């Protein structure tokens, strides 16, 4: 099922404004549960967690900044 351009914009906004801050809070709390690792290991953990959220949402963000392709031409 393909989402319309308008629906993708709404879901992208939801992902950036609501879901991403919640993901950051959860990721920080999960990492805080473990004993603090070496600085470089901690840096790698945060870098991986910083990229993981974008992989499933990549298709959602494609073309969002472009004009609506389904809009009537002027």
PDB file of N, CA and C in Angstrom:
ATOM      1  N   UNK A   1       0.841  -1.172   0.000  1.00  0.00           N
ATOM      2  CA  UNK A   1       0.000   0.000   0.000  1.00  0.00           C
ATOM      3  C   UNK A   1       0.891   1.242   0.000  1.00  0.00           C
ATOM      4  N   UNK A   2       0.653   2.116  -0.928  1.00  0.00           N
ATOM      5  CA  UNK A   2       1.421   3.337  -1.065  1.00  0.00           C
ATOM      6  C   UNK A   2       0.681   4.494  -0.401  1.00  0.00           C
ATOM      7  N   UNK A   3       1.414   5.258   0.378  1.00  0.00           N
ATOM      8  CA  UNK A   3       0.830   6.432   1.022  1.00  0.00           C
ATOM      9  C   UNK A   3       0.814   7.603   0.053  1.00  0.00           C
ATOM     10  N   UNK A   4      -0.177   8.430   0.180  1.00  0.00           N
ATOM     11  CA  UNK A   4      -0.214   9.644  -0.636  1.00  0.00           C
ATOM     12  C   UNK A   4       0.866  10.601  -0.142  1.00  0.00           C
ATOM     13  N   UNK A   5       1.154  11.598  -0.958  1.00  0.00           N
ATOM     14  CA  UNK A   5       2.173  12.576  -0.606  1.00  0.00           C
ATOM     15  C   UNK A   5       1.799  13.311   0.680  1.00  0.00           C
ATOM     16  N   UNK A   6       0.526  13.672   0.806  1.00  0.00           N
ATOM     17  CA  UNK A   6       0.062  14.403   1.988  1.00  0.00           C
ATOM     18  C   UNK A   6       0.163  13.524   3.245  1.00  0.00           C
ATOM     19  N   UNK A   7      -0.191  12.252   3.121  1.00  0.00           N
ATOM     20  CA  UNK A   7      -0.095  11.335   4.265  1.00  0.00           C
ATOM     21  C   UNK A   7       1.364  11.118   4.661  1.00  0.00           C
ATOM     22  N   UNK A   8       2.260  11.003   3.676  1.00  0.00           N
ATOM     23  CA  UNK A   8       3.679  10.844   3.991  1.00  0.00           C
ATOM     24  C   UNK A   8       4.215  12.076   4.710  1.00  0.00           C
ATOM     25  N   UNK A   9       3.773  13.267   4.307  1.00  0.00           N
ATOM     26  CA  UNK A   9       4.207  14.493   4.997  1.00  0.00           C
ATOM     27  C   UNK A   9       3.736  14.491   6.448  1.00  0.00           C
ATOM     28  N   UNK A  10       2.494  14.077   6.664  1.00  0.00           N
ATOM     29  CA  UNK A  10       1.974  14.045   8.042  1.00  0.00           C
ATOM     30  C   UNK A  10       2.721  13.024   8.896  1.00  0.00           C
ATOM     31  N   UNK A  11       2.968  11.823   8.342  1.00  0.00           N
ATOM     32  CA  UNK A  11       3.691  10.800   9.089  1.00  0.00           C
ATOM     33  C   UNK A  11       5.138  11.220   9.334  1.00  0.00           C
ATOM     34  N   UNK A  12       5.754  11.902   8.380  1.00  0.00           N
ATOM     35  CA  UNK A  12       7.122  12.386   8.570  1.00  0.00           C
ATOM     36  C   UNK A  12       7.175  13.429   9.687  1.00  0.00           C
ATOM     37  N   UNK A  13       6.204  14.318   9.710  1.00  0.00           N
ATOM     38  CA  UNK A  13       6.130  15.315  10.777  1.00  0.00           C
ATOM     39  C   UNK A  13       5.933  14.646  12.134  1.00  0.00           C
ATOM     40  N   UNK A  14       5.050  13.657  12.191  1.00  0.00           N
ATOM     41  CA  UNK A  14       4.838  12.907  13.429  1.00  0.00           C
ATOM     42  C   UNK A  14       6.134  12.220  13.860  1.00  0.00           C
ATOM     43  N   UNK A  15       6.833  11.616  12.916  1.00  0.00           N
ATOM     44  CA  UNK A  15       8.075  10.901  13.240  1.00  0.00           C
ATOM     45  C   UNK A  15       9.126  11.853  13.798  1.00  0.00           C
ATOM     46  N   UNK A  16       9.236  13.034  13.236  1.00  0.00           N
ATOM     47  CA  UNK A  16      10.265  13.970  13.679  1.00  0.00           C
ATOM     48  C   UNK A  16       9.911  14.704  14.967  1.00  0.00           C
ATOM     49  N   UNK A  17       8.633  15.003  15.155  1.00  0.00           N
ATOM     50  CA  UNK A  17       8.231  15.825  16.302  1.00  0.00           C
ATOM     51  C   UNK A  17       7.885  14.982  17.534  1.00  0.00           C
ATOM     52  N   UNK A  18       7.295  13.824  17.332  1.00  0.00           N
ATOM     53  CA  UNK A  18       6.842  13.004  18.463  1.00  0.00           C
ATOM     54  C   UNK A  18       7.729  11.769  18.661  1.00  0.00           C
ATOM     55  N   UNK A  19       7.861  10.961  17.612  1.00  0.00           N
ATOM     56  CA  UNK A  19       8.523   9.661  17.756  1.00  0.00           C
ATOM     57  C   UNK A  19      10.021   9.774  17.976  1.00  0.00           C
ATOM     58  N   UNK A  20      10.705  10.666  17.267  1.00  0.00           N
ATOM     59  CA  UNK A  20      12.154  10.780  17.423  1.00  0.00           C
ATOM     60  C   UNK A  20      12.568  11.229  18.831  1.00  0.00           C
ATOM     61  N   UNK A  21      11.935  12.248  19.417  1.00  0.00           N
ATOM     62  CA  UNK A  21      12.297  12.577  20.804  1.00  0.00           C
ATOM     63  C   UNK A  21      12.029  11.428  21.787  1.00  0.00           C
ATOM     64  N   UNK A  22      10.936  10.703  21.579  1.00  0.00           N
ATOM     65  CA  UNK A  22      10.673   9.539  22.438  1.00  0.00           C
ATOM     66  C   UNK A  22      11.740   8.465  22.256  1.00  0.00           C
ATOM     67  N   UNK A  23      12.164   8.232  21.016  1.00  0.00           N
ATOM     68  CA  UNK A  23      13.221   7.265  20.745  1.00  0.00           C
ATOM     69  C   UNK A  23      14.521   7.680  21.423  1.00  0.00           C
ATOM     70  N   UNK A  24      14.840   8.968  21.386  1.00  0.00           N
ATOM     71  CA  UNK A  24      16.061   9.460  22.023  1.00  0.00           C
ATOM     72  C   UNK A  24      16.014   9.225  23.529  1.00  0.00           C
ATOM     73  N   UNK A  25      14.880   9.505  24.150  1.00  0.00           N
ATOM     74  CA  UNK A  25      14.737   9.300  25.593  1.00  0.00           C
ATOM     75  C   UNK A  25      14.886   7.824  25.948  1.00  0.00           C
ATOM     76  N   UNK A  26      14.238   6.961  25.178  1.00  0.00           N
ATOM     77  CA  UNK A  26      14.331   5.520  25.436  1.00  0.00           C
ATOM     78  C   UNK A  26      15.765   5.030  25.227  1.00  0.00           C
ATOM     79  N   UNK A  27      16.426   5.469  24.156  1.00  0.00           N
ATOM     80  CA  UNK A  27      17.802   5.046  23.887  1.00  0.00           C
ATOM     81  C   UNK A  27      18.749   5.487  24.999  1.00  0.00           C
ATOM     82  N   UNK A  28      18.600   6.715  25.466  1.00  0.00           N
ATOM     83  CA  UNK A  28      19.447   7.189  26.555  1.00  0.00           C
ATOM     84  C   UNK A  28      19.220   6.399  27.832  1.00  0.00           C
ATOM     85  N   UNK A  29      17.961   6.084  28.135  1.00  0.00           N
ATOM     86  CA  UNK A  29      17.664   5.325  29.344  1.00  0.00           C
ATOM     87  C   UNK A  29      18.164   3.888  29.253  1.00  0.00           C
ATOM     88  N   UNK A  30      18.089   3.285  28.089  1.00  0.00           N
ATOM     89  CA  UNK A  30      18.590   1.911  27.926  1.00  0.00           C
ATOM     90  C   UNK A  30      20.105   1.880  28.067  1.00  0.00           C
ATOM     91  N   UNK A  31      20.803   2.828  27.471  1.00  0.00           N
ATOM     92  CA  UNK A  31      22.260   2.876  27.599  1.00  0.00           C
ATOM     93  C   UNK A  31      22.654   3.177  29.044  1.00  0.00           C
ATOM     94  N   UNK A  32      21.869   3.969  29.741  1.00  0.00           N
ATOM     95  CA  UNK A  32      22.182   4.306  31.138  1.00  0.00           C
ATOM     96  C   UNK A  32      22.009   3.116  32.079  1.00  0.00           C
ATOM     97  N   UNK A  33      21.261   2.102  31.661  1.00  0.00           N
ATOM     98  CA  UNK A  33      21.086   0.916  32.511  1.00  0.00           C
ATOM     99  C   UNK A  33      22.378   0.121  32.676  1.00  0.00           C
ATOM    100  N   UNK A  34      23.255   0.217  31.710  1.00  0.00           N
ATOM    101  CA  UNK A  34      24.504  -0.539  31.750  1.00  0.00           C
ATOM    102  C   UNK A  34      25.609   0.310  32.359  1.00  0.00           C
ATOM    103  N   UNK A  35      26.656  -0.400  32.823  1.00  0.00           N
ATOM    104  CA  UNK A  35      27.805   0.316  33.357  1.00  0.00           C
ATOM    105  C   UNK A  35      28.429   1.137  32.240  1.00  0.00           C
ATOM    106  N   UNK A  36      28.867   2.327  32.558  1.00  0.00           N
ATOM    107  CA  UNK A  36      29.400   3.240  31.534  1.00  0.00           C
ATOM    108  C   UNK A  36      30.624   2.618  30.860  1.00  0.00           C
ATOM    109  N   UNK A  37      30.522   2.353  29.532  1.00  0.00           N
ATOM    110  CA  UNK A  37      31.661   1.751  28.827  1.00  0.00           C
ATOM    111  C   UNK A  37      32.730   2.790  28.498  1.00  0.00           C
ATOM    112  N   UNK A  38      33.795   2.327  27.878  1.00  0.00           N
ATOM    113  CA  UNK A  38      34.861   3.218  27.417  1.00  0.00           C
ATOM    114  C   UNK A  38      34.266   4.255  26.469  1.00  0.00           C
ATOM    115  N   UNK A  39      34.895   5.423  26.394  1.00  0.00           N
ATOM    116  CA  UNK A  39      34.364   6.543  25.610  1.00  0.00           C
ATOM    117  C   UNK A  39      34.122   6.165  24.150  1.00  0.00           C
ATOM    118  N   UNK A  40      35.059   5.478  23.527  1.00  0.00           N
ATOM    119  CA  UNK A  40      34.911   5.135  22.110  1.00  0.00           C
ATOM    120  C   UNK A  40      33.775   4.130  21.883  1.00  0.00           C
ATOM    121  N   UNK A  41      33.626   3.189  22.791  1.00  0.00           N
ATOM    122  CA  UNK A  41      32.531   2.222  22.675  1.00  0.00           C
ATOM    123  C   UNK A  41      31.191   2.938  22.843  1.00  0.00           C
ATOM    124  N   UNK A  42      31.126   3.841  23.794  1.00  0.00           N
ATOM    125  CA  UNK A  42      29.902   4.615  24.000  1.00  0.00           C
ATOM    126  C   UNK A  42      29.582   5.473  22.777  1.00  0.00           C
ATOM    127  N   UNK A  43      30.593   6.042  22.164  1.00  0.00           N
ATOM    128  CA  UNK A  43      30.410   6.839  20.955  1.00  0.00           C
ATOM    129  C   UNK A  43      29.853   5.984  19.820  1.00  0.00           C
ATOM    130  N   UNK A  44      30.369   4.781  19.663  1.00  0.00           N
ATOM    131  CA  UNK A  44      29.877   3.868  18.624  1.00  0.00           C
ATOM    132  C   UNK A  44      28.427   3.471  18.908  1.00  0.00           C
ATOM    133  N   UNK A  45      28.099   3.203  20.159  1.00  0.00           N
ATOM    134  CA  UNK A  45      26.721   2.838  20.525  1.00  0.00           C
ATOM    135  C   UNK A  45      25.761   3.966  20.154  1.00  0.00           C
ATOM    136  N   UNK A  46      26.106   5.193  20.497  1.00  0.00           N
ATOM    137  CA  UNK A  46      25.226   6.319  20.182  1.00  0.00           C
ATOM    138  C   UNK A  46      25.158   6.575  18.677  1.00  0.00           C
ATOM    139  N   UNK A  47      26.252   6.366  17.964  1.00  0.00           N
ATOM    140  CA  UNK A  47      26.234   6.550  16.508  1.00  0.00           C
ATOM    141  C   UNK A  47      25.321   5.508  15.851  1.00  0.00           C
ATOM    142  N   UNK A  48      25.409   4.269  16.295  1.00  0.00           N
ATOM    143  CA  UNK A  48      24.550   3.211  15.744  1.00  0.00           C
ATOM    144  C   UNK A  48      23.091   3.493  16.081  1.00  0.00           C
ATOM    145  N   UNK A  49      22.813   3.849  17.322  1.00  0.00           N
ATOM    146  CA  UNK A  49      21.433   4.171  17.701  1.00  0.00           C
ATOM    147  C   UNK A  49      20.919   5.399  16.948  1.00  0.00           C
ATOM    148  N   UNK A  50      21.806   6.319  16.620  1.00  0.00           N
ATOM    149  CA  UNK A  50      21.415   7.502  15.870  1.00  0.00           C
ATOM    150  C   UNK A  50      21.058   7.205  14.427  1.00  0.00           C
ATOM    151  N   UNK A  51      21.597   6.135  13.885  1.00  0.00           N
ATOM    152  CA  UNK A  51      21.289   5.755  12.504  1.00  0.00           C
ATOM    153  C   UNK A  51      20.148   4.756  12.395  1.00  0.00           C
ATOM    154  N   UNK A  52      19.947   3.943  13.410  1.00  0.00           N
ATOM    155  CA  UNK A  52      18.929   2.887  13.351  1.00  0.00           C
ATOM    156  C   UNK A  52      17.532   3.445  13.130  1.00  0.00           C
ATOM    157  N   UNK A  53      17.198   4.573  13.709  1.00  0.00           N
ATOM    158  CA  UNK A  53      15.843   5.110  13.563  1.00  0.00           C
ATOM    159  C   UNK A  53      15.555   5.527  12.131  1.00  0.00           C
ATOM    160  N   UNK A  54      16.586   5.936  11.389  1.00  0.00           N
ATOM    161  CA  UNK A  54      16.369   6.457  10.042  1.00  0.00           C
ATOM    162  C   UNK A  54      16.186   5.364   8.998  1.00  0.00           C
ATOM    163  N   UNK A  55      16.731   4.195   9.226  1.00  0.00           N
ATOM    164  CA  UNK A  55      16.674   3.132   8.219  1.00  0.00           C
ATOM    165  C   UNK A  55      15.234   2.738   7.890  1.00  0.00           C
ATOM    166  N   UNK A  56      14.377   2.438   8.853  1.00  0.00           N
ATOM    167  CA  UNK A  56      13.008   2.067   8.480  1.00  0.00           C
ATOM    168  C   UNK A  56      12.178   3.245   7.963  1.00  0.00           C
ATOM    169  N   UNK A  57      12.585   4.465   8.277  1.00  0.00           N
ATOM    170  CA  UNK A  57      11.808   5.637   7.873  1.00  0.00           C
ATOM    171  C   UNK A  57      12.335   6.303   6.606  1.00  0.00           C
ATOM    172  N   UNK A  58      13.346   5.717   5.991  1.00  0.00           N
ATOM    173  CA  UNK A  58      13.967   6.317   4.813  1.00  0.00           C
ATOM    174  C   UNK A  58      12.946   6.559   3.703  1.00  0.00           C
ATOM    175  N   UNK A  59      12.122   5.580   3.391  1.00  0.00           N
ATOM    176  CA  UNK A  59      11.133   5.719   2.322  1.00  0.00           C
ATOM    177  C   UNK A  59      10.082   6.771   2.664  1.00  0.00           C
ATOM    178  N   UNK A  60       9.806   6.943   3.943  1.00  0.00           N
ATOM    179  CA  UNK A  60       8.822   7.936   4.361  1.00  0.00           C
ATOM    180  C   UNK A  60       9.284   9.352   4.043  1.00  0.00           C
ATOM    181  N   UNK A  61      10.593   9.615   4.193  1.00  0.00           N
ATOM    182  CA  UNK A  61      11.122  10.958   4.011  1.00  0.00           C
ATOM    183  C   UNK A  61      11.489  11.293   2.561  1.00  0.00           C
ATOM    184  N   UNK A  62      11.495  10.309   1.671  1.00  0.00           N
ATOM    185  CA  UNK A  62      11.856  10.568   0.276  1.00  0.00           C
ATOM    186  C   UNK A  62      10.822  11.464  -0.392  1.00  0.00           C
ATOM    187  N   UNK A  63      11.268  12.555  -0.964  1.00  0.00           N
ATOM    188  CA  UNK A  63      10.404  13.433  -1.732  1.00  0.00           C
ATOM    189  C   UNK A  63       9.495  14.333  -0.932  1.00  0.00           C
ATOM    190  N   UNK A  64       9.652  14.391   0.363  1.00  0.00           N
ATOM    191  CA  UNK A  64       8.776  15.221   1.195  1.00  0.00           C
ATOM    192  C   UNK A  64       8.984  16.704   0.900  1.00  0.00           C
ATOM    193  N   UNK A  65      10.201  17.109   0.579  1.00  0.00           N
ATOM    194  CA  UNK A  65      10.459  18.529   0.337  1.00  0.00           C
ATOM    195  C   UNK A  65      10.059  18.968  -1.072  1.00  0.00           C
ATOM    196  N   UNK A  66       9.689  18.033  -1.925  1.00  0.00           N
ATOM    197  CA  UNK A  66       9.276  18.356  -3.287  1.00  0.00           C
ATOM    198  C   UNK A  66       7.813  18.782  -3.308  1.00  0.00           C
ATOM    199  N   UNK A  67       7.400  19.515  -4.343  1.00  0.00           N
ATOM    200  CA  UNK A  67       5.975  19.873  -4.455  1.00  0.00           C
ATOM    201  C   UNK A  67       5.123  18.624  -4.660  1.00  0.00           C
ATOM    202  N   UNK A  68       3.863  18.741  -4.306  1.00  0.00           N
ATOM    203  CA  UNK A  68       2.933  17.617  -4.427  1.00  0.00           C
ATOM    204  C   UNK A  68       2.823  17.182  -5.891  1.00  0.00           C
ATOM    205  N   UNK A  69       3.205  15.938  -6.215  1.00  0.00           N
ATOM    206  CA  UNK A  69       3.144  15.486  -7.598  1.00  0.00           C
ATOM    207  C   UNK A  69       1.715  15.267  -8.080  1.00  0.00           C
ATOM    208  N   UNK A  70       0.771  15.103  -7.162  1.00  0.00           N
ATOM    209  CA  UNK A  70      -0.638  14.867  -7.532  1.00  0.00           C
ATOM    210  C   UNK A  70      -1.450  16.139  -7.625  1.00  0.00           C
ATOM    211  N   UNK A  71      -0.840  17.263  -7.284  1.00  0.00           N
ATOM    212  CA  UNK A  71      -1.581  18.545  -7.332  1.00  0.00           C
ATOM    213  C   UNK A  71      -1.860  18.931  -8.781  1.00  0.00           C
ATOM    214  N   UNK A  72      -2.987  19.578  -9.028  1.00  0.00           N
ATOM    215  CA  UNK A  72      -3.277  20.029 -10.393  1.00  0.00           C
ATOM    216  C   UNK A  72      -2.274  21.084 -10.842  1.00  0.00           C
ATOM    217  N   UNK A  73      -1.900  21.008 -12.091  1.00  0.00           N
ATOM    218  CA  UNK A  73      -0.941  21.970 -12.650  1.00  0.00           C
ATOM    219  C   UNK A  73      -1.607  23.314 -12.864  1.00  0.00           C
ATOM    220  N   UNK A  74      -0.847  24.361 -12.673  1.00  0.00           N
ATOM    221  CA  UNK A  74      -1.399  25.710 -12.827  1.00  0.00           C
ATOM    222  C   UNK A  74      -1.349  26.140 -14.282  1.00  0.00           C
TER     223      UNK A  74
END
